[in-house]
Amino acid sequence: MLNSFLLAFSMYSKIPVPKPDWSKEKMKYVMCFFPLIGLVVGGLIFGFAWLCGQLSLPPLFRAAGLTLIPILVTGGIHMDGFLDTTDALSSYQTRERKLEILKDSHTGAFAIIFGGVYLVATLGMWSAVPDSLMPVMAVSFVFSRGLAGMSVVTFKNARKEGLLATFSTNAEKYATRAVLALYLLVSGAGMVLLSPVAGGLAVLGSGLLFLYYRRMSYREFGGITGDLAGWFMELCELSMGIFVVIAACL
């Protein structure tokens, strides 16, 4: 269990942890600990927003910091998946060619364009989230990782090799699904309890996006990859924030 915890944090974050053992036998429960990284991100989000309020810092500074925190904590690994997937989807090539683009280390024009669009949209979203709904946003980072982790141990893999395929193949799937379902239940209920309208809209919107993610990945790539999981998580976090902003305006 400890090794799975260390693997999750060393692979999906820049949080300093002891060097883990990468043996396949010890990868069974990696996804069980993946949402805990969201707990760290959410805590930093809430703490930074609170600090900005206490110091009366400018709204743009607050929004910029909140935009950067998830990227800095994760080292940009999910953003990398978002950019690669955007490049592949924008190519309108065959399924095989799209999978090749996902593995290509070069950055395409569409990745740069949509990366900029995503960051501007995220900055705008954070500038509109009121302090009263910041707890909902903090919990949303656990919920998004619960959904992404569930896709890893539930959806079909587009490749037989790769990091996601390795984690998925070696996962104790029934136990991992049960743990992730618990994360989703607790975090989703927490969001709704904190704000029935904002939390409810965020949970509903992310659930619909999850269904679209499965449909799109199967149609365009024949399954999911690590890049596609990152693409989903970035969009999931942004969409939940947008729904929270909409709720705040109602």
Protein backbone atom coordinates (compact mmCIF):
# COMPACT_ATOMS: atom_id res chain seq x y z
CA MET A 1 0.00 0.00 0.00
CA LEU A 2 2.77 2.44 0.93
CA ASN A 3 4.53 1.77 -2.34
CA SER A 4 1.32 2.45 -4.31
CA PHE A 5 0.91 5.72 -2.41
CA LEU A 6 4.48 6.75 -3.26
CA LEU A 7 4.03 5.72 -6.90
CA ALA A 8 0.88 7.85 -7.23
CA PHE A 9 2.52 10.94 -5.77
CA SER A 10 5.84 10.52 -7.61
CA MET A 11 4.16 9.97 -10.99
CA TYR A 12 1.29 12.45 -10.82
CA SER A 13 2.73 15.26 -8.72
CA LYS A 14 5.87 17.17 -7.89
CA ILE A 15 5.33 16.64 -4.18
CA PRO A 16 8.62 15.30 -2.74
CA VAL A 17 8.27 11.66 -1.65
CA PRO A 18 10.79 8.83 -1.14
CA LYS A 19 11.76 6.97 -4.30
CA PRO A 20 9.20 4.19 -4.87
CA ASP A 21 9.63 0.65 -6.13
CA TRP A 22 8.28 0.38 -9.68
CA SER A 23 7.70 -3.38 -9.67
CA LYS A 24 4.41 -4.40 -11.31
CA GLU A 25 3.29 -6.30 -8.21
CA LYS A 26 3.28 -3.05 -6.23
CA MET A 27 1.20 -1.06 -8.74
CA LYS A 28 -2.10 -2.69 -7.76
CA TYR A 29 -3.48 0.20 -5.73
CA VAL A 30 -1.88 3.27 -7.35
CA MET A 31 -5.22 4.72 -8.48
CA CYS A 32 -6.60 4.36 -4.95
CA PHE A 33 -4.26 7.16 -3.88
CA PHE A 34 -4.56 9.33 -6.98
CA PRO A 35 -7.45 11.48 -5.61
CA LEU A 36 -5.33 12.34 -2.56
CA ILE A 37 -3.23 14.55 -4.83
CA GLY A 38 -6.46 16.45 -5.52
CA LEU A 39 -6.84 16.86 -1.77
CA VAL A 40 -3.44 18.58 -1.66
CA VAL A 41 -4.28 20.77 -4.68
CA GLY A 42 -7.67 21.68 -3.21
CA GLY A 43 -6.12 22.55 0.12
CA LEU A 44 -3.59 24.85 -1.53
CA ILE A 45 -6.34 26.43 -3.65
CA PHE A 46 -8.45 27.15 -0.59
CA GLY A 47 -5.48 28.39 1.44
CA PHE A 48 -4.21 30.70 -1.30
CA ALA A 49 -7.66 32.18 -1.91
CA TRP A 50 -8.08 32.76 1.84
CA LEU A 51 -4.64 34.41 2.06
CA CYS A 52 -5.42 36.69 -0.88
CA GLY A 53 -8.60 37.77 0.88
CA GLN A 54 -6.81 38.44 4.15
CA LEU A 55 -4.15 40.53 2.43
CA SER A 56 -6.62 42.24 0.06
CA LEU A 57 -4.50 41.24 -2.93
CA PRO A 58 -5.69 42.24 -6.45
CA PRO A 59 -8.27 39.89 -8.04
CA LEU A 60 -6.05 39.28 -11.07
CA PHE A 61 -3.17 38.19 -8.82
CA ARG A 62 -5.54 35.82 -7.00
CA ALA A 63 -6.85 34.35 -10.26
CA ALA A 64 -3.34 33.91 -11.67
CA GLY A 65 -2.17 32.09 -8.56
CA LEU A 66 -5.19 29.79 -8.56
CA THR A 67 -4.59 29.02 -12.25
CA LEU A 68 -0.97 28.10 -11.60
CA ILE A 69 -1.31 26.01 -8.44
CA PRO A 70 -2.70 22.81 -10.07
CA ILE A 71 -0.08 22.98 -12.83
CA LEU A 72 2.80 23.52 -10.42
CA VAL A 73 1.70 20.77 -8.03
CA THR A 74 1.28 18.22 -10.83
CA GLY A 75 4.29 19.35 -12.83
CA GLY A 76 2.01 19.88 -15.81
CA ILE A 77 1.58 16.16 -16.50
CA HIS A 78 -2.16 16.46 -17.10
CA MET A 79 -1.75 19.64 -19.14
CA ASP A 80 0.73 17.73 -21.31
CA GLY A 81 -1.98 15.15 -21.97
CA PHE A 82 -4.47 17.89 -22.78
CA LEU A 83 -2.09 19.45 -25.31
CA ASP A 84 -1.17 16.14 -26.96
CA THR A 85 -4.81 15.09 -27.23
CA THR A 86 -5.81 18.46 -28.67
CA ASP A 87 -3.13 18.08 -31.32
CA ALA A 88 -4.33 14.58 -32.20
CA LEU A 89 -8.01 15.53 -32.36
CA SER A 90 -7.25 18.59 -34.46
CA SER A 91 -5.35 16.54 -37.03
CA TYR A 92 -8.46 14.78 -38.40
CA GLN A 93 -6.21 11.83 -39.29
CA THR A 94 -6.84 8.11 -39.00
CA ARG A 95 -7.05 6.46 -35.59
CA GLU A 96 -3.55 5.01 -35.99
CA ARG A 97 -2.10 8.38 -36.91
CA LYS A 98 -3.82 10.07 -33.97
CA LEU A 99 -2.24 7.55 -31.60
CA GLU A 100 1.14 8.31 -33.17
CA ILE A 101 0.60 12.04 -32.62
CA LEU A 102 -0.09 11.37 -28.93
CA LYS A 103 3.37 9.82 -28.65
CA ASP A 104 5.12 12.52 -30.69
CA SER A 105 7.36 14.66 -28.49
CA HIS A 106 6.96 17.68 -30.79
CA THR A 107 4.38 20.34 -29.97
CA GLY A 108 1.92 21.18 -32.72
CA ALA A 109 0.31 24.52 -33.48
CA PHE A 110 -3.10 23.42 -32.18
CA ALA A 111 -1.60 22.42 -28.84
CA ILE A 112 -0.13 25.91 -28.43
CA ILE A 113 -3.34 27.62 -29.51
CA PHE A 114 -5.68 25.60 -27.31
CA GLY A 115 -3.21 25.64 -24.43
CA GLY A 116 -3.46 29.43 -24.49
CA VAL A 117 -7.24 29.26 -24.80
CA TYR A 118 -7.43 26.91 -21.81
CA LEU A 119 -5.25 29.11 -19.59
CA VAL A 120 -7.19 32.27 -20.48
CA ALA A 121 -10.49 30.47 -19.80
CA THR A 122 -9.16 29.17 -16.49
CA LEU A 123 -7.93 32.62 -15.48
CA GLY A 124 -11.35 34.06 -16.29
CA MET A 125 -13.09 31.28 -14.39
CA TRP A 126 -11.04 31.82 -11.22
CA SER A 127 -11.56 35.57 -11.39
CA ALA A 128 -15.32 34.98 -11.19
CA VAL A 129 -15.44 32.33 -8.42
CA PRO A 130 -16.59 34.03 -5.19
CA ASP A 131 -14.83 33.26 -1.91
CA SER A 132 -18.05 31.72 -0.58
CA LEU A 133 -17.84 28.95 -3.21
CA MET A 134 -14.11 28.32 -2.89
CA PRO A 135 -14.71 25.26 -0.64
CA VAL A 136 -16.73 23.66 -3.46
CA MET A 137 -13.86 24.30 -5.88
CA ALA A 138 -11.34 22.85 -3.43
CA VAL A 139 -13.27 19.57 -3.16
CA SER A 140 -13.75 19.43 -6.94
CA PHE A 141 -10.08 18.47 -7.40
CA VAL A 142 -10.70 15.25 -5.50
CA PHE A 143 -13.84 14.54 -7.53
CA SER A 144 -12.11 15.10 -10.90
CA ARG A 145 -9.33 12.67 -9.99
CA GLY A 146 -11.88 10.15 -8.80
CA LEU A 147 -13.50 10.24 -12.23
CA ALA A 148 -10.18 10.10 -14.08
CA GLY A 149 -9.00 7.20 -11.92
CA MET A 150 -12.27 5.36 -12.50
CA SER A 151 -11.76 5.64 -16.25
CA VAL A 152 -8.29 4.08 -15.93
CA VAL A 153 -9.66 0.94 -14.26
CA THR A 154 -12.94 0.79 -16.20
CA PHE A 155 -12.47 1.99 -19.79
CA LYS A 156 -10.75 0.06 -22.56
CA ASN A 157 -7.11 0.92 -23.23
CA ALA A 158 -6.21 2.14 -26.71
CA ARG A 159 -2.73 0.60 -26.40
CA LYS A 160 -1.30 -2.54 -24.84
CA GLU A 161 1.80 -0.67 -23.71
CA GLY A 162 2.37 2.66 -21.99
CA LEU A 163 2.23 3.91 -18.42
CA LEU A 164 -1.58 4.00 -18.17
CA ALA A 165 -1.88 0.53 -19.65
CA THR A 166 0.70 -0.71 -17.13
CA PHE A 167 -1.19 0.77 -14.18
CA SER A 168 -4.53 -0.45 -15.53
CA THR A 169 -3.34 -3.99 -16.29
CA ASN A 170 -1.69 -4.45 -12.91
CA ALA A 171 -4.42 -2.77 -10.87
CA GLU A 172 -6.57 -4.69 -8.40
CA LYS A 173 -9.59 -3.42 -10.32
CA TYR A 174 -12.50 -4.43 -8.11
CA ALA A 175 -10.92 -3.00 -4.97
CA THR A 176 -9.73 0.12 -6.80
CA ARG A 177 -13.18 0.77 -8.29
CA ALA A 178 -14.75 0.44 -4.85
CA VAL A 179 -12.27 2.90 -3.32
CA LEU A 180 -12.69 5.38 -6.18
CA ALA A 181 -16.47 5.09 -5.93
CA LEU A 182 -16.15 6.01 -2.26
CA TYR A 183 -14.03 9.04 -3.14
CA LEU A 184 -16.64 10.11 -5.69
CA LEU A 185 -19.51 9.60 -3.27
CA VAL A 186 -17.88 11.52 -0.43
CA SER A 187 -16.46 14.37 -2.52
CA GLY A 188 -19.60 14.68 -4.68
CA ALA A 189 -21.85 14.73 -1.62
CA GLY A 190 -19.50 17.21 0.02
CA MET A 191 -19.75 19.58 -2.94
CA VAL A 192 -23.55 19.39 -2.91
CA LEU A 193 -23.73 19.88 0.86
CA LEU A 194 -21.44 22.90 0.66
CA SER A 195 -23.64 24.43 -2.03
CA PRO A 196 -26.62 22.49 -3.42
CA VAL A 197 -26.85 24.54 -6.62
CA ALA A 198 -23.15 25.09 -7.40
CA GLY A 199 -22.06 21.65 -6.19
CA GLY A 200 -24.98 19.93 -7.90
CA LEU A 201 -24.31 21.63 -11.23
CA ALA A 202 -20.60 20.86 -11.02
CA VAL A 203 -21.21 17.17 -10.29
CA LEU A 204 -23.83 16.87 -13.03
CA GLY A 205 -21.69 18.67 -15.60
CA SER A 206 -18.60 16.59 -14.84
CA GLY A 207 -20.67 13.41 -15.07
CA LEU A 208 -21.92 14.35 -18.53
CA LEU A 209 -18.36 15.20 -19.59
CA PHE A 210 -17.24 11.78 -18.30
CA LEU A 211 -19.75 10.09 -20.60
CA TYR A 212 -18.60 12.22 -23.54
CA TYR A 213 -14.96 11.37 -22.72
CA ARG A 214 -15.71 7.66 -23.00
CA ARG A 215 -17.65 8.05 -26.24
CA MET A 216 -15.05 10.29 -27.86
CA SER A 217 -12.05 8.21 -26.81
CA TYR A 218 -13.57 4.97 -28.08
CA ARG A 219 -14.64 6.56 -31.37
CA GLU A 220 -11.46 8.50 -32.10
CA PHE A 221 -8.75 6.35 -30.47
CA GLY A 222 -10.25 2.93 -29.76
CA GLY A 223 -9.94 3.48 -26.00
CA ILE A 224 -8.11 5.72 -23.56
CA THR A 225 -4.47 6.56 -22.98
CA GLY A 226 -2.68 8.53 -20.29
CA ASP A 227 -2.88 11.62 -22.49
CA LEU A 228 -6.63 11.25 -22.89
CA ALA A 229 -7.07 10.86 -19.14
CA GLY A 230 -5.11 14.09 -18.67
CA TRP A 231 -7.24 15.80 -21.33
CA PHE A 232 -10.38 14.77 -19.50
CA MET A 233 -9.14 15.88 -16.11
CA GLU A 234 -8.14 19.34 -17.30
CA LEU A 235 -11.51 19.85 -18.98
CA CYS A 236 -13.33 18.39 -15.99
CA GLU A 237 -11.73 20.86 -13.58
CA LEU A 238 -12.41 23.80 -15.88
CA SER A 239 -16.01 22.77 -16.56
CA MET A 240 -16.77 22.33 -12.85
CA GLY A 241 -15.40 25.80 -12.22
CA ILE A 242 -17.56 27.25 -14.99
CA PHE A 243 -20.65 25.59 -13.53
CA VAL A 244 -19.79 27.04 -10.12
CA VAL A 245 -19.52 30.50 -11.68
CA ILE A 246 -22.87 30.02 -13.43
CA ALA A 247 -24.43 29.01 -10.11
CA ALA A 248 -22.98 32.12 -8.46
CA CYS A 249 -24.66 34.28 -11.10
CA LEU A 250 -28.11 32.71 -10.69
